[in-house]
N, C-alpha and C. Protein backbone atom coordinates (compact mmCIF):
# COMPACT_ATOMS: atom_id res chain seq x y z
N MET A 1 7.72 19.89 9.97
CA MET A 1 6.79 19.06 9.57
C MET A 1 7.50 18.10 8.64
N PRO A 2 7.92 16.65 7.99
CA PRO A 2 8.20 15.61 7.22
C PRO A 2 7.08 15.60 5.89
N LEU A 3 8.36 15.81 5.05
CA LEU A 3 7.22 15.55 3.93
C LEU A 3 6.82 14.21 3.66
N PRO A 4 5.54 13.83 3.36
CA PRO A 4 5.49 12.35 2.80
C PRO A 4 6.33 11.89 2.13
N ARG A 5 6.79 9.85 1.64
CA ARG A 5 7.54 10.17 1.21
C ARG A 5 6.69 8.74 0.05
N GLU A 6 5.30 8.77 -0.04
CA GLU A 6 4.68 7.71 -1.35
C GLU A 6 4.92 8.52 -2.40
N SER A 7 4.85 7.55 -3.83
CA SER A 7 5.61 8.20 -5.00
C SER A 7 5.48 7.19 -6.00
N SER A 8 4.32 6.61 -6.33
CA SER A 8 4.40 5.94 -8.01
C SER A 8 5.19 6.27 -8.59
N LEU A 9 5.37 7.46 -8.52
CA LEU A 9 7.31 8.04 -9.24
C LEU A 9 8.92 7.46 -8.96
N ASP A 10 9.25 8.28 -8.17
CA ASP A 10 9.71 8.19 -7.33
C ASP A 10 10.05 7.39 -6.12
N ALA A 11 10.63 6.75 -5.96
CA ALA A 11 10.08 6.47 -4.61
C ALA A 11 11.40 6.65 -3.53
N GLY A 12 12.23 7.16 -3.79
CA GLY A 12 13.09 7.59 -2.72
C GLY A 12 13.14 9.23 -2.89
N ALA A 13 12.61 10.12 -3.67
CA ALA A 13 12.03 11.47 -3.74
C ALA A 13 11.38 12.30 -2.28
N ASP A 14 11.64 13.31 -1.73
CA ASP A 14 11.12 14.11 -0.84
C ASP A 14 10.59 14.61 -1.40
N PHE A 15 10.26 15.15 -2.44
CA PHE A 15 9.32 15.97 -2.73
C PHE A 15 9.27 15.70 -4.98
N ILE A 16 8.46 16.81 -4.84
CA ILE A 16 7.61 16.71 -6.99
C ILE A 16 7.60 17.87 -6.78
N ALA A 17 8.55 19.36 -7.43
CA ALA A 17 8.43 20.30 -7.26
C ALA A 17 7.90 20.58 -8.52
N VAL A 18 6.77 21.04 -9.36
CA VAL A 18 6.28 20.42 -10.74
C VAL A 18 5.71 22.50 -10.44
N GLY A 19 6.43 22.73 -11.98
CA GLY A 19 5.35 24.24 -11.91
C GLY A 19 5.36 25.39 -10.60
N VAL A 20 6.32 24.87 -9.92
CA VAL A 20 7.02 26.06 -8.98
C VAL A 20 8.29 26.63 -9.30
N HIS A 21 8.23 27.65 -9.07
CA HIS A 21 9.12 29.12 -9.48
C HIS A 21 9.08 29.83 -8.00
N VAL A 22 10.07 30.02 -7.94
CA VAL A 22 10.47 30.91 -6.63
C VAL A 22 11.62 31.77 -6.81
N GLY A 23 12.46 31.94 -8.21
CA GLY A 23 13.27 32.60 -8.16
C GLY A 23 14.31 32.31 -7.65
N ALA A 24 15.46 32.97 -7.14
CA ALA A 24 16.45 31.95 -6.88
C ALA A 24 16.09 31.40 -6.43
N ASP A 25 15.11 30.32 -5.25
CA ASP A 25 15.49 29.69 -5.07
C ASP A 25 15.26 28.03 -5.53
N ARG A 26 14.66 28.00 -6.78
CA ARG A 26 14.31 27.71 -8.08
C ARG A 26 15.72 26.49 -7.69
N GLN A 27 16.47 26.98 -7.47
CA GLN A 27 18.19 25.92 -8.11
C GLN A 27 18.32 25.20 -6.90
N ALA A 28 17.61 25.01 -6.31
CA ALA A 28 17.05 24.51 -4.94
C ALA A 28 16.82 23.44 -4.79
N ILE A 29 15.55 24.21 -5.18
CA ILE A 29 14.26 23.65 -5.61
C ILE A 29 14.67 22.05 -6.30
N ASP A 30 15.50 22.32 -7.79
CA ASP A 30 16.16 21.44 -8.72
C ASP A 30 17.33 20.54 -8.39
N HIS A 31 17.83 21.14 -7.21
CA HIS A 31 18.73 20.07 -6.31
C HIS A 31 18.14 19.01 -5.41
N GLY A 32 17.21 19.51 -4.81
CA GLY A 32 17.04 19.05 -3.39
C GLY A 32 16.89 19.39 -2.21
N ILE A 33 17.06 20.59 -2.13
CA ILE A 33 18.13 21.78 -0.90
C ILE A 33 16.80 21.74 -0.19
N PHE A 34 16.60 21.50 0.66
CA PHE A 34 15.59 22.44 1.86
C PHE A 34 15.94 23.76 2.51
N VAL A 35 14.99 24.61 1.72
CA VAL A 35 15.10 26.08 2.20
C VAL A 35 13.91 26.18 2.94
N PRO A 36 13.48 26.51 4.28
CA PRO A 36 12.74 27.16 4.80
C PRO A 36 11.31 27.38 4.11
N GLU A 37 11.85 28.59 3.66
CA GLU A 37 11.09 29.10 2.76
C GLU A 37 9.82 28.95 2.38
N ILE A 38 10.51 27.35 1.46
CA ILE A 38 9.87 27.62 0.34
C ILE A 38 9.22 26.02 1.42
N ASP A 39 9.21 25.53 2.20
CA ASP A 39 9.09 24.84 2.67
C ASP A 39 7.10 24.28 2.42
N ALA A 40 6.73 25.05 2.73
CA ALA A 40 5.13 25.12 2.43
C ALA A 40 4.20 24.43 1.78
N THR A 41 5.24 25.62 0.54
CA THR A 41 5.33 25.35 -1.15
C THR A 41 6.11 23.20 -1.19
N LEU A 42 6.46 23.04 -1.39
CA LEU A 42 6.89 21.58 -1.12
C LEU A 42 5.94 20.73 -0.77
N GLU A 43 5.33 21.14 0.72
CA GLU A 43 4.66 20.18 0.88
C GLU A 43 2.64 19.97 0.32
N ILE A 44 2.83 21.35 0.21
CA ILE A 44 1.23 21.21 -0.60
C ILE A 44 1.81 20.56 -1.63
N ASP A 45 2.60 20.95 -2.69
CA ASP A 45 2.66 19.90 -4.23
C ASP A 45 3.08 18.41 -4.09
N ALA A 46 3.43 18.48 -2.46
CA ALA A 46 3.80 16.67 -1.74
C ALA A 46 2.48 16.25 -1.84
N ALA A 47 1.85 16.72 -0.88
CA ALA A 47 0.80 16.27 -0.93
C ALA A 47 -0.74 15.86 -2.25
N SER A 48 -0.26 17.18 -2.84
CA SER A 48 -1.41 17.39 -4.15
C SER A 48 -0.88 15.66 -5.21
N ARG A 49 0.68 15.81 -4.60
CA ARG A 49 1.52 14.59 -5.76
C ARG A 49 0.47 13.37 -5.25
N ILE A 50 0.05 13.34 -3.31
CA ILE A 50 0.22 11.53 -3.63
C ILE A 50 -1.40 11.23 -3.16
N PHE A 51 -2.20 12.50 -3.20
CA PHE A 51 -3.83 12.76 -3.48
C PHE A 51 -4.26 12.52 -5.60
N GLY A 52 -2.96 12.64 -6.84
CA GLY A 52 -3.30 12.45 -7.76
C GLY A 52 -4.38 14.33 -7.87
N ARG A 53 -3.39 14.74 -8.52
CA ARG A 53 -3.86 15.90 -9.03
C ARG A 53 -3.48 15.69 -10.70
N GLN A 54 -4.00 16.82 -11.73
CA GLN A 54 -3.42 16.84 -13.26
C GLN A 54 -2.54 18.64 -12.71
N THR A 55 -1.43 17.98 -13.62
CA THR A 55 -0.20 19.26 -13.53
C THR A 55 -0.40 19.57 -14.65
N GLU A 56 -0.18 20.26 -15.19
CA GLU A 56 0.66 20.77 -16.73
C GLU A 56 0.30 19.55 -17.51
N GLY A 57 -0.91 19.11 -17.58
CA GLY A 57 -1.33 18.20 -18.22
C GLY A 57 -1.04 16.49 -18.07
N THR A 58 -0.39 16.77 -16.73
CA THR A 58 0.37 15.22 -16.14
C THR A 58 -1.05 14.50 -15.36
N THR A 59 -1.94 14.14 -15.90
CA THR A 59 -1.77 13.16 -14.17
C THR A 59 -1.57 12.46 -12.94
N VAL A 60 -1.84 12.79 -12.20
CA VAL A 60 -0.39 11.69 -11.14
C VAL A 60 -1.58 10.60 -10.61
N ALA A 61 -1.26 9.63 -11.09
CA ALA A 61 -2.26 8.92 -10.42
C ALA A 61 -1.81 8.24 -8.58
N ARG A 62 -2.35 7.74 -8.14
CA ARG A 62 -2.94 7.14 -6.37
C ARG A 62 -2.70 5.91 -6.36
N VAL A 63 -0.87 5.01 -5.38
CA VAL A 63 -0.34 3.39 -5.75
C VAL A 63 -0.98 3.48 -5.36
N ARG A 64 -2.12 2.25 -5.90
CA ARG A 64 -2.74 0.52 -5.95
C ARG A 64 -2.39 0.30 -5.52
N VAL A 65 -3.20 -0.64 -3.88
CA VAL A 65 -2.30 -1.10 -3.02
C VAL A 65 -4.02 -2.48 -3.03
N LEU A 66 -3.45 -3.98 -2.97
CA LEU A 66 -4.50 -4.83 -2.50
C LEU A 66 -3.48 -5.41 -1.37
N LEU A 67 -4.76 -5.78 -0.81
CA LEU A 67 -4.36 -6.30 1.04
C LEU A 67 -5.11 -7.58 1.50
N VAL A 68 -4.08 -8.41 1.05
CA VAL A 68 -4.81 -9.51 1.42
C VAL A 68 -4.67 -10.01 2.05
N GLY A 69 -5.94 -11.10 3.23
CA GLY A 69 -5.67 -11.81 4.58
C GLY A 69 -6.71 -12.95 4.05
N LEU A 70 -6.62 -13.69 5.09
CA LEU A 70 -7.54 -14.68 5.71
C LEU A 70 -8.63 -14.37 6.19
N ASP A 71 -9.78 -14.57 6.06
CA ASP A 71 -11.13 -14.43 5.99
C ASP A 71 -11.23 -14.81 7.49
N PRO A 72 -11.51 -13.41 8.62
CA PRO A 72 -11.04 -13.94 10.23
C PRO A 72 -12.30 -15.05 10.56
N ASP A 73 -13.35 -14.91 10.28
CA ASP A 73 -14.61 -15.52 10.39
C ASP A 73 -14.37 -17.12 9.86
N ILE A 74 -13.18 -17.84 9.58
CA ILE A 74 -13.61 -19.19 8.78
C ILE A 74 -12.32 -19.49 9.85
N VAL A 75 -11.15 -18.77 10.69
CA VAL A 75 -10.66 -19.53 11.85
C VAL A 75 -11.04 -19.66 12.86
N ASP A 76 -11.17 -20.85 13.54
CA ASP A 76 -12.11 -21.78 13.95
C ASP A 76 -11.08 -21.38 15.88
N LYS A 77 -9.51 -22.14 15.63
CA LYS A 77 -8.71 -21.13 16.70
C LYS A 77 -7.50 -20.03 16.53
N PRO A 78 -8.19 -19.13 16.55
CA PRO A 78 -7.06 -18.20 16.15
C PRO A 78 -5.42 -17.80 17.20
N PRO A 79 -4.29 -17.24 15.72
CA PRO A 79 -3.40 -18.04 16.94
C PRO A 79 -3.08 -16.92 18.26
N VAL A 80 -3.28 -16.32 18.55
CA VAL A 80 -3.89 -15.82 19.40
C VAL A 80 -5.05 -15.41 19.86
N PRO A 81 -5.46 -15.86 20.55
CA PRO A 81 -6.66 -16.12 21.48
C PRO A 81 -8.07 -14.76 21.50
N GLU A 82 -6.98 -13.67 22.47
CA GLU A 82 -7.65 -12.10 22.06
C GLU A 82 -8.05 -12.06 20.89
N LEU A 83 -7.61 -12.22 19.70
CA LEU A 83 -7.39 -11.97 18.54
C LEU A 83 -8.91 -12.19 17.74
N THR A 84 -9.98 -12.23 18.44
CA THR A 84 -11.07 -12.51 18.02
C THR A 84 -11.64 -11.61 15.76
N ALA A 85 -12.52 -12.26 15.74
CA ALA A 85 -11.96 -11.91 14.25
C ALA A 85 -12.83 -10.27 13.90
N ALA A 86 -13.77 -10.56 15.00
CA ALA A 86 -13.99 -8.71 15.01
C ALA A 86 -12.95 -7.58 15.05
N LYS A 87 -11.95 -8.17 16.34
CA LYS A 87 -11.27 -7.21 16.43
C LYS A 87 -10.43 -7.23 14.88
N VAL A 88 -10.41 -7.92 14.63
CA VAL A 88 -9.05 -8.12 13.04
C VAL A 88 -10.30 -7.24 12.31
N ARG A 89 -11.54 -7.14 11.63
CA ARG A 89 -11.57 -6.71 11.14
C ARG A 89 -11.88 -5.22 11.38
N ALA A 90 -11.76 -4.73 12.37
CA ALA A 90 -11.68 -3.73 12.66
C ALA A 90 -10.28 -3.51 12.42
N ALA A 91 -9.40 -3.66 12.75
CA ALA A 91 -7.54 -3.29 12.73
C ALA A 91 -7.55 -3.47 11.33
N VAL A 92 -8.19 -3.95 9.92
CA VAL A 92 -7.97 -4.08 8.75
C VAL A 92 -8.98 -2.62 8.48
N GLU A 93 -10.01 -2.36 8.22
CA GLU A 93 -10.77 -1.44 8.28
C GLU A 93 -9.91 -0.41 8.59
N ALA A 94 -9.59 0.10 10.06
CA ALA A 94 -8.24 0.88 10.60
C ALA A 94 -7.06 1.52 9.62
N GLU A 95 -6.64 0.12 9.64
CA GLU A 95 -5.67 -0.17 8.54
C GLU A 95 -5.56 0.76 7.04
N SER A 96 -6.87 0.04 6.42
CA SER A 96 -7.09 0.35 5.13
C SER A 96 -7.66 1.92 5.29
N ALA A 97 -8.14 3.00 6.38
CA ALA A 97 -8.18 3.99 6.57
C ALA A 97 -7.59 4.87 6.78
N LYS A 98 -6.33 4.18 6.98
CA LYS A 98 -5.57 4.97 7.44
C LYS A 98 -4.44 5.26 5.27
N LEU A 99 -4.37 3.76 5.28
CA LEU A 99 -3.88 3.92 3.74
C LEU A 99 -4.61 4.69 2.85
N GLU A 100 -5.27 5.84 2.60
CA GLU A 100 -6.90 5.90 2.37
C GLU A 100 -6.21 7.27 2.94
N THR A 101 -5.72 7.71 3.67
CA THR A 101 -5.96 8.59 3.78
C THR A 101 -4.67 9.26 3.72
N LEU A 102 -3.83 8.53 3.30
CA LEU A 102 -2.02 8.65 3.06
C LEU A 102 -2.19 9.25 1.24
N GLY A 103 -3.25 9.08 1.00
CA GLY A 103 -3.37 8.43 -0.06
C GLY A 103 -4.08 7.07 -1.10
N TYR A 104 -2.65 6.52 -1.06
CA TYR A 104 -3.15 5.68 -1.22
C TYR A 104 -4.40 4.91 -1.95
N SER A 105 -5.02 4.18 -2.72
CA SER A 105 -6.00 3.53 -3.03
C SER A 105 -5.82 2.15 -2.73
N VAL A 106 -6.44 1.38 -2.34
CA VAL A 106 -7.05 0.24 -1.40
C VAL A 106 -7.72 -0.98 -1.42
N LYS A 107 -7.63 -2.04 -1.74
CA LYS A 107 -8.77 -2.64 -2.00
C LYS A 107 -8.44 -3.87 -1.03
N SER A 108 -9.38 -4.03 0.29
CA SER A 108 -9.35 -5.71 0.12
C SER A 108 -9.86 -6.49 -0.46
N LEU A 109 -8.39 -7.90 0.18
CA LEU A 109 -9.28 -8.98 -0.32
C LEU A 109 -8.89 -10.60 0.80
N LEU A 110 -10.42 -10.85 1.38
CA LEU A 110 -10.33 -11.74 2.11
C LEU A 110 -10.62 -13.27 1.04
N VAL A 111 -10.02 -14.42 1.77
CA VAL A 111 -9.30 -15.41 0.82
C VAL A 111 -10.18 -16.72 2.07
N ASP A 112 -11.03 -17.48 1.07
CA ASP A 112 -10.67 -18.71 2.70
C ASP A 112 -9.67 -19.79 2.15
N ASP A 113 -10.11 -20.41 3.45
CA ASP A 113 -8.72 -21.62 4.14
C ASP A 113 -8.49 -22.25 2.56
N GLY A 114 -9.02 -22.09 1.02
CA GLY A 114 -8.25 -22.42 0.40
C GLY A 114 -9.56 -23.31 -1.11
N LYS A 115 -10.37 -23.82 -0.53
CA LYS A 115 -11.18 -23.52 -1.64
C LYS A 115 -11.44 -22.66 -2.93
N THR A 116 -11.84 -21.44 -2.59
CA THR A 116 -11.80 -20.64 -4.01
C THR A 116 -10.67 -19.51 -4.22
N ALA A 117 -9.71 -19.21 -2.86
CA ALA A 117 -8.66 -18.48 -2.54
C ALA A 117 -7.90 -18.37 -3.30
N GLU A 118 -7.37 -18.87 -4.87
CA GLU A 118 -7.03 -18.86 -5.65
C GLU A 118 -6.82 -18.53 -6.52
N ALA A 119 -8.71 -18.79 -6.88
CA ALA A 119 -9.29 -18.74 -8.35
C ALA A 119 -9.40 -16.55 -7.78
N VAL A 120 -10.07 -16.52 -6.20
CA VAL A 120 -10.36 -15.09 -6.44
C VAL A 120 -9.57 -14.51 -5.50
N LEU A 121 -7.87 -14.91 -5.74
CA LEU A 121 -7.03 -14.26 -5.80
C LEU A 121 -6.78 -13.98 -8.04
N THR A 122 -6.83 -14.72 -8.02
CA THR A 122 -6.53 -14.21 -9.80
C THR A 122 -7.16 -14.13 -10.51
N ASP A 123 -9.39 -13.74 -9.90
CA ASP A 123 -9.24 -12.60 -10.46
C ASP A 123 -9.16 -11.52 -10.72
N ALA A 124 -9.03 -10.54 -8.56
CA ALA A 124 -8.40 -9.95 -8.38
C ALA A 124 -7.47 -8.76 -9.52
N LEU A 125 -6.59 -10.46 -9.62
CA LEU A 125 -5.41 -9.89 -10.41
C LEU A 125 -5.03 -9.19 -11.81
N THR A 126 -6.50 -9.98 -12.36
CA THR A 126 -6.91 -9.77 -13.43
C THR A 126 -7.49 -8.74 -14.19
N SER A 127 -8.52 -8.48 -13.15
CA SER A 127 -9.26 -7.48 -13.13
C SER A 127 -9.20 -6.17 -12.90
N SER A 128 -7.70 -6.09 -12.45
CA SER A 128 -7.49 -4.21 -11.66
C SER A 128 -5.62 -4.42 -11.84
N ARG A 129 -5.07 -3.71 -11.73
CA ARG A 129 -3.26 -3.46 -11.41
C ARG A 129 -3.29 -3.22 -10.26
N TYR A 130 -1.90 -3.85 -9.25
CA TYR A 130 -1.98 -3.20 -8.13
C TYR A 130 -0.18 -3.21 -8.23
N ASP A 131 -0.45 -1.57 -7.75
CA ASP A 131 1.57 -1.44 -7.47
C ASP A 131 1.80 -1.94 -6.50
N CYS A 132 1.22 -2.67 -5.28
CA CYS A 132 1.84 -3.13 -4.25
C CYS A 132 0.61 -4.01 -3.88
N ILE A 133 0.99 -5.43 -2.79
CA ILE A 133 0.28 -6.88 -2.90
C ILE A 133 1.14 -7.24 -1.38
N MET A 134 -0.33 -6.52 0.04
CA MET A 134 0.26 -6.92 0.64
C MET A 134 -0.74 -8.61 1.42
N MET A 135 0.39 -9.47 2.03
CA MET A 135 -0.22 -10.75 2.20
C MET A 135 0.73 -10.32 3.74
N GLY A 136 -0.84 -10.20 4.73
CA GLY A 136 -1.82 -10.52 5.79
C GLY A 136 -0.80 -11.53 6.52
N ALA A 137 -0.14 -11.38 8.33
CA ALA A 137 0.04 -12.04 8.84
C ALA A 137 -0.56 -13.90 8.67
N GLY A 138 -1.56 -13.75 8.82
CA GLY A 138 -2.70 -14.78 8.80
C GLY A 138 -2.19 -15.91 7.86
N LEU A 139 -2.33 -16.23 7.24
CA LEU A 139 -1.97 -16.43 5.74
C LEU A 139 -0.45 -16.87 6.27
N ARG A 140 0.54 -15.94 6.63
CA ARG A 140 1.85 -16.45 6.52
C ARG A 140 2.49 -17.02 8.51
N VAL A 141 1.96 -16.88 9.15
CA VAL A 141 2.24 -17.67 9.92
C VAL A 141 1.80 -18.49 10.88
N VAL A 142 0.21 -18.70 11.04
CA VAL A 142 -0.29 -19.77 11.07
C VAL A 142 0.42 -21.37 10.23
N PRO A 143 0.98 -21.90 11.18
CA PRO A 143 1.66 -23.29 10.25
C PRO A 143 0.49 -24.13 9.33
N ARG A 144 -0.79 -24.42 9.68
CA ARG A 144 -2.12 -24.52 9.03
C ARG A 144 -1.67 -23.68 7.21
N TYR A 145 -1.84 -22.89 7.30
CA TYR A 145 -1.95 -22.56 5.97
C TYR A 145 -0.57 -21.70 5.23
N LEU A 146 0.26 -22.31 5.29
CA LEU A 146 1.53 -22.66 4.55
C LEU A 146 1.44 -23.05 3.86
N LEU A 147 0.92 -23.64 3.18
CA LEU A 147 0.50 -24.01 1.85
C LEU A 147 -0.29 -23.32 1.26
N LEU A 148 -1.47 -23.07 1.94
CA LEU A 148 -1.97 -22.10 1.47
C LEU A 148 -1.57 -20.28 0.71
N PHE A 149 -0.54 -19.85 1.82
CA PHE A 149 -0.24 -19.11 1.84
C PHE A 149 1.16 -18.90 0.22
N GLU A 150 1.53 -20.81 -0.15
CA GLU A 150 2.54 -20.70 -1.12
C GLU A 150 1.37 -20.18 -2.53
N LYS A 151 0.76 -20.87 -2.49
CA LYS A 151 -0.11 -21.19 -3.64
C LYS A 151 -0.25 -19.48 -3.79
N LEU A 152 -0.99 -18.86 -2.70
CA LEU A 152 -1.03 -17.46 -3.36
C LEU A 152 0.03 -16.29 -4.03
N ILE A 153 1.52 -17.11 -3.19
CA ILE A 153 2.00 -15.80 -3.50
C ILE A 153 3.10 -16.14 -5.37
N ASN A 154 2.64 -17.73 -5.25
CA ASN A 154 2.81 -17.79 -6.87
C ASN A 154 2.10 -17.40 -7.87
N VAL A 155 0.49 -17.19 -7.17
CA VAL A 155 -0.44 -16.77 -7.64
C VAL A 155 -0.04 -15.54 -8.80
N VAL A 156 0.25 -14.51 -7.30
CA VAL A 156 0.52 -13.82 -8.04
C VAL A 156 1.79 -13.50 -8.77
N HIS A 157 2.79 -14.47 -8.74
CA HIS A 157 3.80 -14.24 -9.41
C HIS A 157 3.21 -14.63 -10.45
N ARG A 158 1.93 -15.59 -10.63
CA ARG A 158 2.18 -16.04 -12.36
C ARG A 158 1.19 -14.29 -12.97
N GLN A 159 0.65 -13.67 -12.00
CA GLN A 159 -0.66 -12.79 -12.40
C GLN A 159 -0.45 -11.38 -12.75
N ALA A 160 0.67 -11.04 -11.78
CA ALA A 160 1.01 -9.88 -11.50
C ALA A 160 2.49 -9.18 -12.04
N PRO A 161 2.39 -8.20 -12.87
CA PRO A 161 4.07 -7.59 -13.34
C PRO A 161 4.79 -7.95 -12.40
N ALA A 162 6.27 -7.96 -12.88
CA ALA A 162 7.07 -7.89 -12.59
C ALA A 162 7.27 -6.97 -11.57
N SER A 163 7.00 -5.51 -11.59
CA SER A 163 7.69 -4.21 -11.13
C SER A 163 6.16 -4.74 -9.35
N THR A 164 5.65 -4.63 -9.28
CA THR A 164 4.39 -5.04 -8.61
C THR A 164 5.19 -5.59 -7.21
N LYS A 165 5.07 -4.82 -6.34
CA LYS A 165 5.94 -4.92 -4.71
C LYS A 165 5.11 -5.57 -3.71
N LEU A 166 5.84 -6.49 -3.11
CA LEU A 166 5.14 -7.52 -2.12
C LEU A 166 5.76 -6.86 -0.63
N CYS A 167 4.47 -7.56 0.23
CA CYS A 167 5.09 -7.17 1.32
C CYS A 167 4.56 -7.42 2.17
N PHE A 168 4.92 -7.89 3.65
CA PHE A 168 3.79 -8.27 4.55
C PHE A 168 3.83 -7.92 6.09
N SER A 169 2.60 -8.04 6.48
CA SER A 169 2.30 -7.69 7.59
C SER A 169 2.31 -8.85 9.05
N SER A 170 2.97 -8.10 10.30
CA SER A 170 2.95 -9.48 11.20
C SER A 170 1.63 -9.20 12.42
N ASN A 171 1.18 -8.18 11.78
CA ASN A 171 -0.30 -8.46 12.61
C ASN A 171 -1.41 -7.37 12.03
N PRO A 172 -2.50 -7.65 12.18
CA PRO A 172 -3.53 -7.19 11.54
C PRO A 172 -3.32 -5.49 11.49
N SER A 173 -2.08 -4.63 13.11
CA SER A 173 -2.25 -3.74 12.81
C SER A 173 -1.05 -2.25 12.45
N ASP A 174 -0.40 -3.26 11.88
CA ASP A 174 1.18 -3.06 10.89
C ASP A 174 0.64 -2.89 9.73
N THR A 175 -0.59 -3.07 9.12
CA THR A 175 -0.52 -3.01 7.46
C THR A 175 0.06 -1.73 6.19
N ALA A 176 -0.61 -0.57 7.01
CA ALA A 176 -0.07 0.97 6.40
C ALA A 176 1.54 0.67 6.45
N GLU A 177 2.12 0.22 7.74
CA GLU A 177 3.91 0.13 8.07
C GLU A 177 4.04 -0.84 7.20
N ALA A 178 3.47 -1.87 7.00
CA ALA A 178 3.72 -2.91 5.72
C ALA A 178 4.45 -2.18 4.07
N VAL A 179 3.09 -1.43 3.97
CA VAL A 179 2.76 -1.25 2.37
C VAL A 179 4.11 0.16 2.59
N ARG A 180 3.52 0.64 3.31
CA ARG A 180 4.72 2.36 3.79
C ARG A 180 5.92 1.92 3.36
N ARG A 181 6.87 0.72 3.65
CA ARG A 181 8.05 0.62 2.97
C ARG A 181 8.26 0.54 2.35
N TRP A 182 7.25 -0.34 0.91
CA TRP A 182 7.94 -0.39 -0.85
C TRP A 182 7.21 0.76 -1.56
N VAL A 183 6.07 1.62 -0.88
CA VAL A 183 5.44 1.67 -1.92
C VAL A 183 5.02 3.28 -1.17
């Protein structure tokens, strides 16, 4: 079973071995060498890292993700006719649940067509800090929302820390994939 790759501490690491001591295999752990006999220990440690835990006085936090999307109820003519507001909402909820299951802390933010979108996003970014902000495809790929998309990107640029990752989905069902590319 492959180890999870999410980590706010080291995005390239396949595992974190904290407080694991397995005698001669300790050197293998320290150097990131895969040793089948200790694979279960590493998987347990990687899983506990993702879901946040306290180990030897250090708390490992969950990666915080903000999902920003256009409220599907305001779209009068969806770019894909069979993509109804109900289907979009169901897909967003399923992707949020998938991310939560993977250990992310997720907040969804649906914005309007520009009346309050910048203010709502500004409020979200000033009241909480996020490790990753995902912009939904409805904002990015529909030509009539391009200016809104640009405005929201500039809000992120002004309000979010420079270390915040940005990612973009291509449809409501690939949100988790987009997030996992970066955090």
